[in-house]
C-alpha cells in the first residue's frame, strides 16, 4: 500500500482542523489538493493517494469489475477491505497530526469511502463533503450521531448518473441525516460555483465549532 500524501509544507496550527481528501478512481492525491486554495484557511488539507493501481494509470480505493450485462460495480468484500485499510490509515494520520477529529472530502469513488467512513465514525469525522458520488447500495447505514453533509452532483454526470446521487440522499434522509444537497448543470467535475458553495458551507460549519 502506498502511503503517499500531499500536505502543506508548514505544520498544522493549533486552530486548524485536518481536511482529509480522497480522490476518485484513476486519479491521484494531487487531483483534490489544489482545491485547498479555495477553502477556508482553518482547514489543513491532507490529500491521500489510494493504494491500488488502475489499468490505465492513477489509483483506486477498491477495484471495479464489469458484470455479464456490462455494468460496472464493486464486490462488497473489496469495499469492506478497502474501508478497513483506510480506517487504519486515517487513524495513523490523525495521530501524526495530534488530532481526534477531521473533516472529510471525497470525490467519486473517494466520496463513497467518505460516506462510509463518516457513518462508521461520526464523532471522528463530523463534517463531510461527498462530491459527484453515491452511497454504495450494499452499505447499511448505522450512525446514531449524524455528521453534517455537503453533497453535490452534476445533472449531466455520465460517470455516476444523478439518479444514483438522489437515491443516496433519500436513503440518508430516511436514516435521519439532513444533507445539504445541490445539483449543478455540469458533468463529472466540480464547477467554480460548486467549489464556492462548498467553501461557504465549510466556513459556516466551522464557525459553529
C-alpha atoms as a PDB file:
ATOM      1  CA  UNK A   1       0.000   0.000   0.000  1.00  0.00           C
ATOM      2  CA  UNK A   2       1.262   3.473  -0.865  1.00  0.00           C
ATOM      3  CA  UNK A   3       1.321   5.996   1.975  1.00  0.00           C
ATOM      4  CA  UNK A   4       1.800   8.875  -0.423  1.00  0.00           C
ATOM      5  CA  UNK A   5       0.062  12.046   0.780  1.00  0.00           C
ATOM      6  CA  UNK A   6       0.168  15.737  -0.026  1.00  0.00           C
ATOM      7  CA  UNK A   7       0.023  18.282   2.772  1.00  0.00           C
ATOM      8  CA  UNK A   8       1.233  21.855   3.332  1.00  0.00           C
ATOM      9  CA  UNK A   9       4.936  22.403   3.984  1.00  0.00           C
ATOM     10  CA  UNK A  10       4.099  24.080   7.268  1.00  0.00           C
ATOM     11  CA  UNK A  11       2.881  22.075  10.300  1.00  0.00           C
ATOM     12  CA  UNK A  12      -0.752  22.240  11.340  1.00  0.00           C
ATOM     13  CA  UNK A  13      -1.649  25.247  13.501  1.00  0.00           C
ATOM     14  CA  UNK A  14      -3.490  24.921  16.795  1.00  0.00           C
ATOM     15  CA  UNK A  15      -6.632  26.476  15.313  1.00  0.00           C
ATOM     16  CA  UNK A  16      -6.709  24.336  12.170  1.00  0.00           C
ATOM     17  CA  UNK A  17      -8.797  21.232  11.509  1.00  0.00           C
ATOM     18  CA  UNK A  18      -7.448  18.497   9.221  1.00  0.00           C
ATOM     19  CA  UNK A  19      -9.289  18.032   5.934  1.00  0.00           C
ATOM     20  CA  UNK A  20      -8.621  14.510   4.655  1.00  0.00           C
ATOM     21  CA  UNK A  21      -9.150  14.383   0.892  1.00  0.00           C
ATOM     22  CA  UNK A  22      -9.972  11.207  -1.052  1.00  0.00           C
ATOM     23  CA  UNK A  23      -9.665  11.313  -4.837  1.00  0.00           C
ATOM     24  CA  UNK A  24     -11.693   9.441  -7.448  1.00  0.00           C
ATOM     25  CA  UNK A  25     -10.970   6.274  -9.411  1.00  0.00           C
ATOM     26  CA  UNK A  26      -7.990   6.665 -11.733  1.00  0.00           C
ATOM     27  CA  UNK A  27      -6.817   9.960 -10.190  1.00  0.00           C
ATOM     28  CA  UNK A  28      -4.176  10.683  -7.543  1.00  0.00           C
ATOM     29  CA  UNK A  29      -3.574  12.785  -4.450  1.00  0.00           C
ATOM     30  CA  UNK A  30      -2.842  15.949  -6.461  1.00  0.00           C
ATOM     31  CA  UNK A  31      -6.308  15.906  -8.025  1.00  0.00           C
ATOM     32  CA  UNK A  32      -8.112  17.368  -4.997  1.00  0.00           C
ATOM     33  CA  UNK A  33      -5.222  19.031  -3.193  1.00  0.00           C
ATOM     34  CA  UNK A  34      -5.471  22.047  -5.497  1.00  0.00           C
ATOM     35  CA  UNK A  35      -8.925  22.756  -4.027  1.00  0.00           C
ATOM     36  CA  UNK A  36      -7.269  23.773  -0.758  1.00  0.00           C
ATOM     37  CA  UNK A  37      -6.541  27.285  -2.036  1.00  0.00           C
ATOM     38  CA  UNK A  38     -10.289  27.927  -2.391  1.00  0.00           C
ATOM     39  CA  UNK A  39     -11.323  26.539   1.006  1.00  0.00           C
ATOM     40  CA  UNK A  40     -11.211  28.227   4.437  1.00  0.00           C
ATOM     41  CA  UNK A  41      -7.729  28.689   5.870  1.00  0.00           C
ATOM     42  CA  UNK A  42      -8.630  26.961   9.125  1.00  0.00           C
ATOM     43  CA  UNK A  43      -8.789  23.688   7.201  1.00  0.00           C
ATOM     44  CA  UNK A  44      -5.460  21.851   6.966  1.00  0.00           C
ATOM     45  CA  UNK A  45      -5.578  19.800   3.744  1.00  0.00           C
ATOM     46  CA  UNK A  46      -4.121  16.302   3.617  1.00  0.00           C
ATOM     47  CA  UNK A  47      -4.700  14.549   0.287  1.00  0.00           C
ATOM     48  CA  UNK A  48      -4.239  10.787   0.283  1.00  0.00           C
ATOM     49  CA  UNK A  49      -3.270   8.539  -2.606  1.00  0.00           C
ATOM     50  CA  UNK A  50      -5.404   5.407  -2.961  1.00  0.00           C
ATOM     51  CA  UNK A  51      -3.469   2.125  -2.641  1.00  0.00           C
ATOM     52  CA  UNK A  52      -4.390   0.280  -5.849  1.00  0.00           C
ATOM     53  CA  UNK A  53      -3.075   0.843  -9.378  1.00  0.00           C
ATOM     54  CA  UNK A  54      -5.712   1.092 -12.119  1.00  0.00           C
ATOM     55  CA  UNK A  55      -5.261  -0.474 -15.570  1.00  0.00           C
ATOM     56  CA  UNK A  56      -4.988   2.919 -17.292  1.00  0.00           C
ATOM     57  CA  UNK A  57      -2.945   4.807 -14.709  1.00  0.00           C
ATOM     58  CA  UNK A  58      -3.861   6.530 -11.482  1.00  0.00           C
ATOM     59  CA  UNK A  59      -5.092   4.836  -8.347  1.00  0.00           C
ATOM     60  CA  UNK A  60      -8.220   3.338  -6.801  1.00  0.00           C
ATOM     61  CA  UNK A  61      -9.578   2.634  -3.325  1.00  0.00           C
ATOM     62  CA  UNK A  62     -11.118  -0.643  -4.464  1.00  0.00           C
ATOM     63  CA  UNK A  63     -11.205  -2.492  -7.813  1.00  0.00           C
ATOM     64  CA  UNK A  64     -14.109  -2.254 -10.226  1.00  0.00           C
ATOM     65  CA  UNK A  65     -15.480  -5.161 -12.236  1.00  0.00           C
ATOM     66  CA  UNK A  66     -17.703  -5.464 -15.298  1.00  0.00           C
ATOM     67  CA  UNK A  67     -20.558  -7.969 -14.947  1.00  0.00           C
ATOM     68  CA  UNK A  68     -22.156 -10.035 -17.718  1.00  0.00           C
ATOM     69  CA  UNK A  69     -24.563  -7.226 -18.550  1.00  0.00           C
ATOM     70  CA  UNK A  70     -21.759  -4.706 -18.940  1.00  0.00           C
ATOM     71  CA  UNK A  71     -22.470  -2.918 -15.662  1.00  0.00           C
ATOM     72  CA  UNK A  72     -19.506  -1.644 -13.683  1.00  0.00           C
ATOM     73  CA  UNK A  73     -19.624  -2.435  -9.991  1.00  0.00           C
ATOM     74  CA  UNK A  74     -17.525  -3.402  -6.983  1.00  0.00           C
ATOM     75  CA  UNK A  75     -17.535  -6.602  -4.981  1.00  0.00           C
ATOM     76  CA  UNK A  76     -18.772  -5.994  -1.402  1.00  0.00           C
ATOM     77  CA  UNK A  77     -15.777  -7.845   0.051  1.00  0.00           C
ATOM     78  CA  UNK A  78     -13.407  -5.499  -1.809  1.00  0.00           C
ATOM     79  CA  UNK A  79     -15.219  -2.451  -0.458  1.00  0.00           C
ATOM     80  CA  UNK A  80     -15.145  -3.822   3.100  1.00  0.00           C
ATOM     81  CA  UNK A  81     -11.416  -4.460   2.879  1.00  0.00           C
ATOM     82  CA  UNK A  82     -10.752  -1.008   1.439  1.00  0.00           C
ATOM     83  CA  UNK A  83     -12.732   0.570   4.261  1.00  0.00           C
ATOM     84  CA  UNK A  84     -10.855  -1.405   6.928  1.00  0.00           C
ATOM     85  CA  UNK A  85      -7.494  -0.458   5.423  1.00  0.00           C
ATOM     86  CA  UNK A  86      -8.427   3.206   5.154  1.00  0.00           C
ATOM     87  CA  UNK A  87      -9.688   3.329   8.745  1.00  0.00           C
ATOM     88  CA  UNK A  88      -6.247   2.226   9.940  1.00  0.00           C
ATOM     89  CA  UNK A  89      -4.533   4.733   7.725  1.00  0.00           C
ATOM     90  CA  UNK A  90      -6.770   7.593   8.849  1.00  0.00           C
ATOM     91  CA  UNK A  91      -6.100   6.778  12.493  1.00  0.00           C
ATOM     92  CA  UNK A  92      -2.360   6.924  11.847  1.00  0.00           C
ATOM     93  CA  UNK A  93      -2.643  10.301  10.117  1.00  0.00           C
ATOM     94  CA  UNK A  94      -4.721  11.758  12.960  1.00  0.00           C
ATOM     95  CA  UNK A  95      -2.130  10.572  15.473  1.00  0.00           C
ATOM     96  CA  UNK A  96       0.612  12.244  13.431  1.00  0.00           C
ATOM     97  CA  UNK A  97      -1.383  15.479  13.368  1.00  0.00           C
ATOM     98  CA  UNK A  98      -2.244  15.181  17.075  1.00  0.00           C
ATOM     99  CA  UNK A  99      -5.964  15.463  16.369  1.00  0.00           C
ATOM    100  CA  UNK A 100      -9.011  13.469  17.425  1.00  0.00           C
ATOM    101  CA  UNK A 101     -11.234  14.726  14.607  1.00  0.00           C
ATOM    102  CA  UNK A 102     -11.024  15.672  10.936  1.00  0.00           C
ATOM    103  CA  UNK A 103     -13.247  16.804   8.104  1.00  0.00           C
ATOM    104  CA  UNK A 104     -13.578  14.552   5.061  1.00  0.00           C
ATOM    105  CA  UNK A 105     -13.808  15.430   1.383  1.00  0.00           C
ATOM    106  CA  UNK A 106     -14.247  12.746  -1.249  1.00  0.00           C
ATOM    107  CA  UNK A 107     -14.866  12.849  -4.988  1.00  0.00           C
ATOM    108  CA  UNK A 108     -16.491   9.994  -6.933  1.00  0.00           C
ATOM    109  CA  UNK A 109     -15.052   6.715  -5.565  1.00  0.00           C
ATOM    110  CA  UNK A 110     -13.365   8.722  -2.821  1.00  0.00           C
ATOM    111  CA  UNK A 111     -16.782  10.136  -1.944  1.00  0.00           C
ATOM    112  CA  UNK A 112     -18.091   6.619  -1.438  1.00  0.00           C
ATOM    113  CA  UNK A 113     -15.283   5.998   1.018  1.00  0.00           C
ATOM    114  CA  UNK A 114     -16.002   9.313   2.781  1.00  0.00           C
ATOM    115  CA  UNK A 115     -19.696   8.450   3.167  1.00  0.00           C
ATOM    116  CA  UNK A 116     -18.934   5.082   4.747  1.00  0.00           C
ATOM    117  CA  UNK A 117     -16.089   6.298   6.964  1.00  0.00           C
ATOM    118  CA  UNK A 118     -18.185   9.096   8.414  1.00  0.00           C
ATOM    119  CA  UNK A 119     -21.168   6.835   9.044  1.00  0.00           C
ATOM    120  CA  UNK A 120     -18.961   4.322  10.851  1.00  0.00           C
ATOM    121  CA  UNK A 121     -17.066   7.000  12.826  1.00  0.00           C
ATOM    122  CA  UNK A 122     -19.355  10.038  13.107  1.00  0.00           C
ATOM    123  CA  UNK A 123     -17.599  11.510  16.140  1.00  0.00           C
ATOM    124  CA  UNK A 124     -14.240  11.328  14.390  1.00  0.00           C
ATOM    125  CA  UNK A 125     -15.499  12.790  11.081  1.00  0.00           C
ATOM    126  CA  UNK A 126     -18.260  15.311  11.886  1.00  0.00           C
ATOM    127  CA  UNK A 127     -18.035  17.269   8.592  1.00  0.00           C
ATOM    128  CA  UNK A 128     -18.164  15.527   5.223  1.00  0.00           C
ATOM    129  CA  UNK A 129     -18.200  16.713   1.620  1.00  0.00           C
ATOM    130  CA  UNK A 130     -19.357  13.981  -0.778  1.00  0.00           C
ATOM    131  CA  UNK A 131     -18.908  15.194  -4.342  1.00  0.00           C
ATOM    132  CA  UNK A 132     -20.145  13.551  -7.558  1.00  0.00           C
ATOM    133  CA  UNK A 133     -20.667  10.259  -5.788  1.00  0.00           C
ATOM    134  CA  UNK A 134     -23.212   7.939  -4.209  1.00  0.00           C
ATOM    135  CA  UNK A 135     -23.624   5.710  -1.184  1.00  0.00           C
ATOM    136  CA  UNK A 136     -22.932   2.076  -2.158  1.00  0.00           C
ATOM    137  CA  UNK A 137     -26.124   0.036  -2.138  1.00  0.00           C
ATOM    138  CA  UNK A 138     -24.533  -2.798  -0.165  1.00  0.00           C
ATOM    139  CA  UNK A 139     -23.586  -0.459   2.684  1.00  0.00           C
ATOM    140  CA  UNK A 140     -26.031  -0.402   5.624  1.00  0.00           C
ATOM    141  CA  UNK A 141     -26.176   2.973   7.385  1.00  0.00           C
ATOM    142  CA  UNK A 142     -25.590   2.680  11.121  1.00  0.00           C
ATOM    143  CA  UNK A 143     -24.608   6.008  12.702  1.00  0.00           C
ATOM    144  CA  UNK A 144     -26.610   7.240  15.690  1.00  0.00           C
ATOM    145  CA  UNK A 145     -24.843  10.603  15.678  1.00  0.00           C
ATOM    146  CA  UNK A 146     -25.180  12.156  12.225  1.00  0.00           C
ATOM    147  CA  UNK A 147     -22.250  14.004  10.613  1.00  0.00           C
ATOM    148  CA  UNK A 148     -23.043  17.172   8.679  1.00  0.00           C
ATOM    149  CA  UNK A 149     -23.020  16.502   4.939  1.00  0.00           C
ATOM    150  CA  UNK A 150     -22.413  18.693   1.907  1.00  0.00           C
ATOM    151  CA  UNK A 151     -23.402  16.702  -1.185  1.00  0.00           C
ATOM    152  CA  UNK A 152     -23.183  17.942  -4.770  1.00  0.00           C
ATOM    153  CA  UNK A 153     -23.705  16.353  -8.160  1.00  0.00           C
ATOM    154  CA  UNK A 154     -23.756  17.294 -11.828  1.00  0.00           C
ATOM    155  CA  UNK A 155     -27.062  16.980 -13.652  1.00  0.00           C
ATOM    156  CA  UNK A 156     -25.235  15.687 -16.737  1.00  0.00           C
ATOM    157  CA  UNK A 157     -22.784  13.388 -14.993  1.00  0.00           C
ATOM    158  CA  UNK A 158     -22.181  10.476 -17.394  1.00  0.00           C
ATOM    159  CA  UNK A 159     -19.943   8.561 -14.971  1.00  0.00           C
ATOM    160  CA  UNK A 160     -22.256   8.447 -11.949  1.00  0.00           C
ATOM    161  CA  UNK A 161     -25.798   9.381 -13.045  1.00  0.00           C
ATOM    162  CA  UNK A 162     -27.512  11.975 -10.899  1.00  0.00           C
ATOM    163  CA  UNK A 163     -30.298   9.490 -10.090  1.00  0.00           C
ATOM    164  CA  UNK A 164     -27.809   7.475  -8.029  1.00  0.00           C
ATOM    165  CA  UNK A 165     -26.976  10.584  -6.004  1.00  0.00           C
ATOM    166  CA  UNK A 166     -30.666  11.297  -5.461  1.00  0.00           C
ATOM    167  CA  UNK A 167     -31.287   7.742  -4.298  1.00  0.00           C
ATOM    168  CA  UNK A 168     -28.445   8.125  -1.803  1.00  0.00           C
ATOM    169  CA  UNK A 169     -29.915  11.364  -0.483  1.00  0.00           C
ATOM    170  CA  UNK A 170     -33.259   9.650   0.111  1.00  0.00           C
ATOM    171  CA  UNK A 171     -31.560   6.792   1.957  1.00  0.00           C
ATOM    172  CA  UNK A 172     -29.630   9.250   4.110  1.00  0.00           C
ATOM    173  CA  UNK A 173     -32.743  11.251   4.957  1.00  0.00           C
ATOM    174  CA  UNK A 174     -34.663   8.107   5.901  1.00  0.00           C
ATOM    175  CA  UNK A 175     -31.849   7.307   8.325  1.00  0.00           C
ATOM    176  CA  UNK A 176     -32.043  10.748   9.941  1.00  0.00           C
ATOM    177  CA  UNK A 177     -29.341  12.616   8.035  1.00  0.00           C
ATOM    178  CA  UNK A 178     -30.014  16.165   6.850  1.00  0.00           C
ATOM    179  CA  UNK A 179     -27.638  16.578   3.892  1.00  0.00           C
ATOM    180  CA  UNK A 180     -27.101  19.936   2.234  1.00  0.00           C
ATOM    181  CA  UNK A 181     -27.644  18.766  -1.345  1.00  0.00           C
ATOM    182  CA  UNK A 182     -27.108  20.817  -4.501  1.00  0.00           C
ATOM    183  CA  UNK A 183     -27.193  19.876  -8.188  1.00  0.00           C
ATOM    184  CA  UNK A 184     -25.285  21.805 -10.844  1.00  0.00           C
ATOM    185  CA  UNK A 185     -25.636  21.911 -14.665  1.00  0.00           C
ATOM    186  CA  UNK A 186     -22.332  20.090 -15.104  1.00  0.00           C
ATOM    187  CA  UNK A 187     -20.835  16.665 -15.794  1.00  0.00           C
ATOM    188  CA  UNK A 188     -18.471  14.599 -13.624  1.00  0.00           C
ATOM    189  CA  UNK A 189     -16.424  17.519 -12.325  1.00  0.00           C
ATOM    190  CA  UNK A 190     -16.594  20.456  -9.930  1.00  0.00           C
ATOM    191  CA  UNK A 191     -17.602  23.840 -11.298  1.00  0.00           C
ATOM    192  CA  UNK A 192     -16.443  27.147  -9.856  1.00  0.00           C
ATOM    193  CA  UNK A 193     -19.917  27.637  -8.387  1.00  0.00           C
ATOM    194  CA  UNK A 194     -19.764  24.214  -6.749  1.00  0.00           C
ATOM    195  CA  UNK A 195     -16.373  24.964  -5.195  1.00  0.00           C
ATOM    196  CA  UNK A 196     -17.585  28.363  -3.985  1.00  0.00           C
ATOM    197  CA  UNK A 197     -20.673  26.821  -2.364  1.00  0.00           C
ATOM    198  CA  UNK A 198     -18.503  24.144  -0.773  1.00  0.00           C
ATOM    199  CA  UNK A 199     -16.183  26.763   0.713  1.00  0.00           C
ATOM    200  CA  UNK A 200     -19.140  28.738   2.092  1.00  0.00           C
ATOM    201  CA  UNK A 201     -20.599  25.572   3.633  1.00  0.00           C
ATOM    202  CA  UNK A 202     -17.332  24.681   5.333  1.00  0.00           C
ATOM    203  CA  UNK A 203     -16.954  28.256   6.584  1.00  0.00           C
ATOM    204  CA  UNK A 204     -20.462  28.165   8.070  1.00  0.00           C
ATOM    205  CA  UNK A 205     -19.949  24.787   9.736  1.00  0.00           C
ATOM    206  CA  UNK A 206     -16.549  25.714  11.139  1.00  0.00           C
ATOM    207  CA  UNK A 207     -17.936  28.933  12.628  1.00  0.00           C
ATOM    208  CA  UNK A 208     -20.151  26.736  14.823  1.00  0.00           C
ATOM    209  CA  UNK A 209     -17.206  24.799  16.250  1.00  0.00           C
END
